[in-house]
Amino acid sequence: LAPTSATRSKNNICPGISVNLSVVGGTLGTNAGWMWYTGGCGTSLVGTGSSISVTPSVTTTYYVRAEGDCNATSCASVTVN
């Protein structure tokens, strides 16, 4: 099932500061994993797993979805300012 949303550990950060992103809701299917992207859903992979740490230098929107053997879900997004 698709994630309900994605969250961030900090709302506004300065360049060079890391922030943790986490999946909220959703379930993984057969051999599935959480995939994180920037630039759009399925575009530029930046990490995998239920949570990742990122250090953006500009305002960036991250997209997460479950991808498995059979299909991929729709994405949830979170923006780090």
PDB file of N, CA and C in Angstrom:
ATOM      1  N   LEU A   1       0.831  -1.190   0.000  1.00  0.00           N
ATOM      2  CA  LEU A   1       0.000   0.000   0.000  1.00  0.00           C
ATOM      3  C   LEU A   1       0.869   1.244   0.000  1.00  0.00           C
ATOM      4  N   ALA A   2       0.375   2.287  -0.611  1.00  0.00           N
ATOM      5  CA  ALA A   2       1.121   3.537  -0.705  1.00  0.00           C
ATOM      6  C   ALA A   2       1.298   4.178   0.664  1.00  0.00           C
ATOM      7  N   PRO A   3       2.388   4.911   0.860  1.00  0.00           N
ATOM      8  CA  PRO A   3       2.571   5.615   2.121  1.00  0.00           C
ATOM      9  C   PRO A   3       1.505   6.697   2.282  1.00  0.00           C
ATOM     10  N   THR A   4       1.099   6.941   3.528  1.00  0.00           N
ATOM     11  CA  THR A   4       0.131   7.991   3.818  1.00  0.00           C
ATOM     12  C   THR A   4       0.764   9.354   3.631  1.00  0.00           C
ATOM     13  N   SER A   5       1.992   9.490   4.115  1.00  0.00           N
ATOM     14  CA  SER A   5       2.733  10.741   3.992  1.00  0.00           C
ATOM     15  C   SER A   5       4.194  10.471   4.308  1.00  0.00           C
ATOM     16  N   ALA A   6       4.976  11.547   4.302  1.00  0.00           N
ATOM     17  CA  ALA A   6       6.376  11.482   4.713  1.00  0.00           C
ATOM     18  C   ALA A   6       6.621  12.657   5.646  1.00  0.00           C
ATOM     19  N   THR A   7       7.497  12.479   6.631  1.00  0.00           N
ATOM     20  CA  THR A   7       7.764  13.541   7.594  1.00  0.00           C
ATOM     21  C   THR A   7       9.238  13.881   7.619  1.00  0.00           C
ATOM     22  N   ARG A   8       9.541  15.034   8.203  1.00  0.00           N
ATOM     23  CA  ARG A   8      10.926  15.477   8.371  1.00  0.00           C
ATOM     24  C   ARG A   8      11.164  15.774   9.846  1.00  0.00           C
ATOM     25  N   SER A   9      12.417  15.632  10.273  1.00  0.00           N
ATOM     26  CA  SER A   9      12.749  15.847  11.681  1.00  0.00           C
ATOM     27  C   SER A   9      12.902  17.319  12.030  1.00  0.00           C
ATOM     28  N   LYS A  10      13.115  18.177  11.028  1.00  0.00           N
ATOM     29  CA  LYS A  10      13.253  19.620  11.242  1.00  0.00           C
ATOM     30  C   LYS A  10      12.476  20.336  10.149  1.00  0.00           C
ATOM     31  N   ASN A  11      11.864  21.476  10.477  1.00  0.00           N
ATOM     32  CA  ASN A  11      11.075  22.197   9.486  1.00  0.00           C
ATOM     33  C   ASN A  11      11.925  23.067   8.571  1.00  0.00           C
ATOM     34  N   ASN A  12      12.789  23.887   9.120  1.00  0.00           N
ATOM     35  CA  ASN A  12      13.633  24.773   8.323  1.00  0.00           C
ATOM     36  C   ASN A  12      15.075  24.588   8.762  1.00  0.00           C
ATOM     37  N   ILE A  13      15.950  24.404   7.787  1.00  0.00           N
ATOM     38  CA  ILE A  13      17.361  24.172   8.105  1.00  0.00           C
ATOM     39  C   ILE A  13      18.244  25.118   7.308  1.00  0.00           C
ATOM     40  N   CYS A  14      19.473  25.270   7.770  1.00  0.00           N
ATOM     41  CA  CYS A  14      20.484  26.037   7.036  1.00  0.00           C
ATOM     42  C   CYS A  14      21.249  25.071   6.138  1.00  0.00           C
ATOM     43  N   PRO A  15      21.862  25.568   5.049  1.00  0.00           N
ATOM     44  CA  PRO A  15      22.641  24.691   4.182  1.00  0.00           C
ATOM     45  C   PRO A  15      23.696  23.927   4.970  1.00  0.00           C
ATOM     46  N   GLY A  16      23.878  22.655   4.654  1.00  0.00           N
ATOM     47  CA  GLY A  16      24.869  21.834   5.309  1.00  0.00           C
ATOM     48  C   GLY A  16      24.368  21.107   6.553  1.00  0.00           C
ATOM     49  N   ILE A  17      23.131  21.385   6.968  1.00  0.00           N
ATOM     50  CA  ILE A  17      22.542  20.712   8.131  1.00  0.00           C
ATOM     51  C   ILE A  17      21.743  19.512   7.640  1.00  0.00           C
ATOM     52  N   SER A  18      21.889  18.383   8.318  1.00  0.00           N
ATOM     53  CA  SER A  18      21.154  17.187   7.889  1.00  0.00           C
ATOM     54  C   SER A  18      19.789  17.123   8.560  1.00  0.00           C
ATOM     55  N   VAL A  19      18.877  16.453   7.888  1.00  0.00           N
ATOM     56  CA  VAL A  19      17.517  16.265   8.391  1.00  0.00           C
ATOM     57  C   VAL A  19      17.106  14.830   8.071  1.00  0.00           C
ATOM     58  N   ASN A  20      16.365  14.218   8.981  1.00  0.00           N
ATOM     59  CA  ASN A  20      15.899  12.849   8.773  1.00  0.00           C
ATOM     60  C   ASN A  20      14.501  12.862   8.174  1.00  0.00           C
ATOM     61  N   LEU A  21      14.290  12.054   7.144  1.00  0.00           N
ATOM     62  CA  LEU A  21      12.987  11.904   6.505  1.00  0.00           C
ATOM     63  C   LEU A  21      12.471  10.508   6.806  1.00  0.00           C
ATOM     64  N   SER A  22      11.156  10.384   7.062  1.00  0.00           N
ATOM     65  CA  SER A  22      10.577   9.091   7.404  1.00  0.00           C
ATOM     66  C   SER A  22       9.266   8.865   6.680  1.00  0.00           C
ATOM     67  N   VAL A  23       8.997   7.607   6.360  1.00  0.00           N
ATOM     68  CA  VAL A  23       7.730   7.192   5.763  1.00  0.00           C
ATOM     69  C   VAL A  23       6.677   7.102   6.860  1.00  0.00           C
ATOM     70  N   VAL A  24       5.451   7.535   6.551  1.00  0.00           N
ATOM     71  CA  VAL A  24       4.328   7.381   7.469  1.00  0.00           C
ATOM     72  C   VAL A  24       3.270   6.539   6.772  1.00  0.00           C
ATOM     73  N   GLY A  25       2.866   5.435   7.412  1.00  0.00           N
ATOM     74  CA  GLY A  25       1.832   4.576   6.846  1.00  0.00           C
ATOM     75  C   GLY A  25       2.348   3.745   5.691  1.00  0.00           C
ATOM     76  N   GLY A  26       1.427   3.065   5.021  1.00  0.00           N
ATOM     77  CA  GLY A  26       1.795   2.210   3.898  1.00  0.00           C
ATOM     78  C   GLY A  26       2.344   0.876   4.371  1.00  0.00           C
ATOM     79  N   THR A  27       2.340  -0.087   3.473  1.00  0.00           N
ATOM     80  CA  THR A  27       2.909  -1.397   3.766  1.00  0.00           C
ATOM     81  C   THR A  27       3.682  -1.880   2.552  1.00  0.00           C
ATOM     82  N   LEU A  28       4.671  -2.709   2.802  1.00  0.00           N
ATOM     83  CA  LEU A  28       5.502  -3.232   1.720  1.00  0.00           C
ATOM     84  C   LEU A  28       4.971  -4.578   1.250  1.00  0.00           C
ATOM     85  N   GLY A  29       4.955  -4.758  -0.073  1.00  0.00           N
ATOM     86  CA  GLY A  29       4.533  -6.022  -0.671  1.00  0.00           C
ATOM     87  C   GLY A  29       5.720  -6.968  -0.816  1.00  0.00           C
ATOM     88  N   THR A  30       5.567  -7.979  -1.641  1.00  0.00           N
ATOM     89  CA  THR A  30       6.588  -8.997  -1.855  1.00  0.00           C
ATOM     90  C   THR A  30       7.891  -8.393  -2.364  1.00  0.00           C
ATOM     91  N   ASN A  31       8.966  -8.649  -1.628  1.00  0.00           N
ATOM     92  CA  ASN A  31      10.301  -8.147  -1.988  1.00  0.00           C
ATOM     93  C   ASN A  31      10.332  -6.649  -2.260  1.00  0.00           C
ATOM     94  N   ALA A  32       9.517  -5.887  -1.540  1.00  0.00           N
ATOM     95  CA  ALA A  32       9.427  -4.442  -1.769  1.00  0.00           C
ATOM     96  C   ALA A  32      10.317  -3.673  -0.798  1.00  0.00           C
ATOM     97  N   GLY A  33      10.624  -2.451  -1.178  1.00  0.00           N
ATOM     98  CA  GLY A  33      11.394  -1.552  -0.327  1.00  0.00           C
ATOM     99  C   GLY A  33      10.952  -0.125  -0.557  1.00  0.00           C
ATOM    100  N   TRP A  34      11.280   0.732   0.388  1.00  0.00           N
ATOM    101  CA  TRP A  34      10.964   2.161   0.247  1.00  0.00           C
ATOM    102  C   TRP A  34      12.060   2.832  -0.562  1.00  0.00           C
ATOM    103  N   MET A  35      11.678   3.600  -1.580  1.00  0.00           N
ATOM    104  CA  MET A  35      12.625   4.290  -2.453  1.00  0.00           C
ATOM    105  C   MET A  35      12.367   5.791  -2.375  1.00  0.00           C
ATOM    106  N   TRP A  36      13.423   6.560  -2.142  1.00  0.00           N
ATOM    107  CA  TRP A  36      13.341   8.020  -2.006  1.00  0.00           C
ATOM    108  C   TRP A  36      13.930   8.695  -3.243  1.00  0.00           C
ATOM    109  N   TYR A  37      13.242   9.721  -3.735  1.00  0.00           N
ATOM    110  CA  TYR A  37      13.649  10.426  -4.952  1.00  0.00           C
ATOM    111  C   TYR A  37      13.611  11.935  -4.766  1.00  0.00           C
ATOM    112  N   THR A  38      14.339  12.640  -5.624  1.00  0.00           N
ATOM    113  CA  THR A  38      14.184  14.082  -5.795  1.00  0.00           C
ATOM    114  C   THR A  38      13.850  14.319  -7.255  1.00  0.00           C
ATOM    115  N   GLY A  39      13.314  15.484  -7.562  1.00  0.00           N
ATOM    116  CA  GLY A  39      13.012  15.839  -8.943  1.00  0.00           C
ATOM    117  C   GLY A  39      11.748  15.200  -9.481  1.00  0.00           C
ATOM    118  N   GLY A  40      10.997  14.507  -8.646  1.00  0.00           N
ATOM    119  CA  GLY A  40       9.764  13.855  -9.076  1.00  0.00           C
ATOM    120  C   GLY A  40       9.769  12.390  -8.670  1.00  0.00           C
ATOM    121  N   CYS A  41       8.598  11.830  -8.653  1.00  0.00           N
ATOM    122  CA  CYS A  41       8.433  10.442  -8.242  1.00  0.00           C
ATOM    123  C   CYS A  41       9.094   9.521  -9.263  1.00  0.00           C
ATOM    124  N   GLY A  42      10.065   8.723  -8.833  1.00  0.00           N
ATOM    125  CA  GLY A  42      10.734   7.794  -9.730  1.00  0.00           C
ATOM    126  C   GLY A  42      11.829   8.409 -10.572  1.00  0.00           C
ATOM    127  N   THR A  43      12.237   9.637 -10.264  1.00  0.00           N
ATOM    128  CA  THR A  43      13.199  10.334 -11.108  1.00  0.00           C
ATOM    129  C   THR A  43      14.646  10.095 -10.702  1.00  0.00           C
ATOM    130  N   SER A  44      15.079  10.683  -9.587  1.00  0.00           N
ATOM    131  CA  SER A  44      16.480  10.615  -9.187  1.00  0.00           C
ATOM    132  C   SER A  44      16.577   9.996  -7.793  1.00  0.00           C
ATOM    133  N   LEU A  45      16.979   8.724  -7.721  1.00  0.00           N
ATOM    134  CA  LEU A  45      17.029   7.986  -6.465  1.00  0.00           C
ATOM    135  C   LEU A  45      18.093   8.581  -5.539  1.00  0.00           C
ATOM    136  N   VAL A  46      17.690   8.881  -4.286  1.00  0.00           N
ATOM    137  CA  VAL A  46      18.635   9.449  -3.315  1.00  0.00           C
ATOM    138  C   VAL A  46      18.794   8.577  -2.073  1.00  0.00           C
ATOM    139  N   GLY A  47      17.983   7.538  -1.925  1.00  0.00           N
ATOM    140  CA  GLY A  47      18.120   6.673  -0.767  1.00  0.00           C
ATOM    141  C   GLY A  47      17.035   5.620  -0.714  1.00  0.00           C
ATOM    142  N   THR A  48      17.229   4.650   0.182  1.00  0.00           N
ATOM    143  CA  THR A  48      16.255   3.584   0.365  1.00  0.00           C
ATOM    144  C   THR A  48      16.045   3.355   1.854  1.00  0.00           C
ATOM    145  N   GLY A  49      14.896   2.791   2.201  1.00  0.00           N
ATOM    146  CA  GLY A  49      14.602   2.469   3.589  1.00  0.00           C
ATOM    147  C   GLY A  49      13.465   3.309   4.126  1.00  0.00           C
ATOM    148  N   SER A  50      12.980   2.954   5.313  1.00  0.00           N
ATOM    149  CA  SER A  50      11.837   3.665   5.894  1.00  0.00           C
ATOM    150  C   SER A  50      12.207   5.056   6.373  1.00  0.00           C
ATOM    151  N   SER A  51      13.501   5.311   6.580  1.00  0.00           N
ATOM    152  CA  SER A  51      13.955   6.665   6.903  1.00  0.00           C
ATOM    153  C   SER A  51      15.341   6.875   6.308  1.00  0.00           C
ATOM    154  N   ILE A  52      15.620   8.116   5.910  1.00  0.00           N
ATOM    155  CA  ILE A  52      16.936   8.469   5.365  1.00  0.00           C
ATOM    156  C   ILE A  52      17.354   9.810   5.946  1.00  0.00           C
ATOM    157  N   SER A  53      18.623  10.092   5.891  1.00  0.00           N
ATOM    158  CA  SER A  53      19.162  11.380   6.317  1.00  0.00           C
ATOM    159  C   SER A  53      19.654  12.105   5.072  1.00  0.00           C
ATOM    160  N   VAL A  54      19.245  13.371   4.928  1.00  0.00           N
ATOM    161  CA  VAL A  54      19.643  14.162   3.762  1.00  0.00           C
ATOM    162  C   VAL A  54      20.225  15.495   4.217  1.00  0.00           C
ATOM    163  N   THR A  55      21.028  16.112   3.355  1.00  0.00           N
ATOM    164  CA  THR A  55      21.632  17.404   3.645  1.00  0.00           C
ATOM    165  C   THR A  55      21.471  18.303   2.418  1.00  0.00           C
ATOM    166  N   PRO A  56      20.261  18.828   2.197  1.00  0.00           N
ATOM    167  CA  PRO A  56      20.048  19.655   1.002  1.00  0.00           C
ATOM    168  C   PRO A  56      20.680  21.031   1.149  1.00  0.00           C
ATOM    169  N   SER A  57      21.129  21.604   0.023  1.00  0.00           N
ATOM    170  CA  SER A  57      21.705  22.953   0.046  1.00  0.00           C
ATOM    171  C   SER A  57      20.680  24.001  -0.375  1.00  0.00           C
ATOM    172  N   VAL A  58      19.574  23.567  -0.957  1.00  0.00           N
ATOM    173  CA  VAL A  58      18.471  24.452  -1.335  1.00  0.00           C
ATOM    174  C   VAL A  58      17.169  23.755  -0.961  1.00  0.00           C
ATOM    175  N   THR A  59      16.058  24.493  -0.996  1.00  0.00           N
ATOM    176  CA  THR A  59      14.759  23.890  -0.722  1.00  0.00           C
ATOM    177  C   THR A  59      14.542  22.733  -1.683  1.00  0.00           C
ATOM    178  N   THR A  60      14.260  21.558  -1.134  1.00  0.00           N
ATOM    179  CA  THR A  60      14.147  20.347  -1.939  1.00  0.00           C
ATOM    180  C   THR A  60      12.924  19.551  -1.523  1.00  0.00           C
ATOM    181  N   THR A  61      12.193  19.038  -2.506  1.00  0.00           N
ATOM    182  CA  THR A  61      11.077  18.144  -2.233  1.00  0.00           C
ATOM    183  C   THR A  61      11.532  16.714  -2.474  1.00  0.00           C
ATOM    184  N   TYR A  62      11.255  15.864  -1.505  1.00  0.00           N
ATOM    185  CA  TYR A  62      11.610  14.443  -1.587  1.00  0.00           C
ATOM    186  C   TYR A  62      10.341  13.626  -1.759  1.00  0.00           C
ATOM    187  N   TYR A  63      10.438  12.567  -2.539  1.00  0.00           N
ATOM    188  CA  TYR A  63       9.297  11.698  -2.835  1.00  0.00           C
ATOM    189  C   TYR A  63       9.652  10.283  -2.405  1.00  0.00           C
ATOM    190  N   VAL A  64       8.690   9.583  -1.811  1.00  0.00           N
ATOM    191  CA  VAL A  64       8.946   8.210  -1.374  1.00  0.00           C
ATOM    192  C   VAL A  64       7.806   7.314  -1.832  1.00  0.00           C
ATOM    193  N   ARG A  65       8.150   6.102  -2.253  1.00  0.00           N
ATOM    194  CA  ARG A  65       7.137   5.120  -2.624  1.00  0.00           C
ATOM    195  C   ARG A  65       7.676   3.724  -2.356  1.00  0.00           C
ATOM    196  N   ALA A  66       6.759   2.760  -2.295  1.00  0.00           N
ATOM    197  CA  ALA A  66       7.144   1.355  -2.162  1.00  0.00           C
ATOM    198  C   ALA A  66       7.298   0.776  -3.558  1.00  0.00           C
ATOM    199  N   GLU A  67       8.401   0.060  -3.773  1.00  0.00           N
ATOM    200  CA  GLU A  67       8.639  -0.605  -5.049  1.00  0.00           C
ATOM    201  C   GLU A  67       8.953  -2.067  -4.767  1.00  0.00           C
ATOM    202  N   GLY A  68       8.267  -2.959  -5.483  1.00  0.00           N
ATOM    203  CA  GLY A  68       8.482  -4.387  -5.277  1.00  0.00           C
ATOM    204  C   GLY A  68       8.460  -5.164  -6.566  1.00  0.00           C
ATOM    205  N   ASP A  69       8.328  -6.482  -6.449  1.00  0.00           N
ATOM    206  CA  ASP A  69       8.335  -7.361  -7.615  1.00  0.00           C
ATOM    207  C   ASP A  69       7.191  -7.077  -8.575  1.00  0.00           C
ATOM    208  N   CYS A  70       6.024  -6.774  -8.023  1.00  0.00           N
ATOM    209  CA  CYS A  70       4.830  -6.652  -8.863  1.00  0.00           C
ATOM    210  C   CYS A  70       4.573  -5.235  -9.364  1.00  0.00           C
ATOM    211  N   ASN A  71       4.850  -4.245  -8.538  1.00  0.00           N
ATOM    212  CA  ASN A  71       4.534  -2.877  -8.954  1.00  0.00           C
ATOM    213  C   ASN A  71       5.157  -1.866  -8.001  1.00  0.00           C
ATOM    214  N   ALA A  72       4.843  -0.604  -8.241  1.00  0.00           N
ATOM    215  CA  ALA A  72       5.252   0.492  -7.365  1.00  0.00           C
ATOM    216  C   ALA A  72       3.999   1.267  -6.980  1.00  0.00           C
ATOM    217  N   THR A  73       3.992   1.808  -5.766  1.00  0.00           N
ATOM    218  CA  THR A  73       2.839   2.575  -5.310  1.00  0.00           C
ATOM    219  C   THR A  73       2.956   4.021  -5.785  1.00  0.00           C
ATOM    220  N   SER A  74       1.945   4.803  -5.491  1.00  0.00           N
ATOM    221  CA  SER A  74       2.047   6.237  -5.717  1.00  0.00           C
ATOM    222  C   SER A  74       2.975   6.823  -4.663  1.00  0.00           C
ATOM    223  N   CYS A  75       3.452   8.030  -4.884  1.00  0.00           N
ATOM    224  CA  CYS A  75       4.421   8.653  -3.986  1.00  0.00           C
ATOM    225  C   CYS A  75       3.768   9.570  -2.951  1.00  0.00           C
ATOM    226  N   ALA A  76       4.429   9.677  -1.816  1.00  0.00           N
ATOM    227  CA  ALA A  76       4.145  10.726  -0.837  1.00  0.00           C
ATOM    228  C   ALA A  76       5.329  11.674  -0.916  1.00  0.00           C
ATOM    229  N   SER A  77       5.121  12.942  -0.581  1.00  0.00           N
ATOM    230  CA  SER A  77       6.228  13.894  -0.688  1.00  0.00           C
ATOM    231  C   SER A  77       6.378  14.705   0.594  1.00  0.00           C
ATOM    232  N   VAL A  78       7.575  15.228   0.791  1.00  0.00           N
ATOM    233  CA  VAL A  78       7.879  16.113   1.906  1.00  0.00           C
ATOM    234  C   VAL A  78       8.923  17.103   1.405  1.00  0.00           C
ATOM    235  N   THR A  79       8.760  18.386   1.794  1.00  0.00           N
ATOM    236  CA  THR A  79       9.680  19.432   1.357  1.00  0.00           C
ATOM    237  C   THR A  79      10.526  19.904   2.536  1.00  0.00           C
ATOM    238  N   VAL A  80      11.822  20.029   2.300  1.00  0.00           N
ATOM    239  CA  VAL A  80      12.757  20.567   3.294  1.00  0.00           C
ATOM    240  C   VAL A  80      13.161  21.960   2.836  1.00  0.00           C
ATOM    241  N   ASN A  81      12.902  22.964   3.688  1.00  0.00           N
ATOM    242  CA  ASN A  81      13.223  24.354   3.356  1.00  0.00           C
ATOM    243  C   ASN A  81      14.578  24.753   3.931  1.00  0.00           C
TER     244      ASN A  81
END
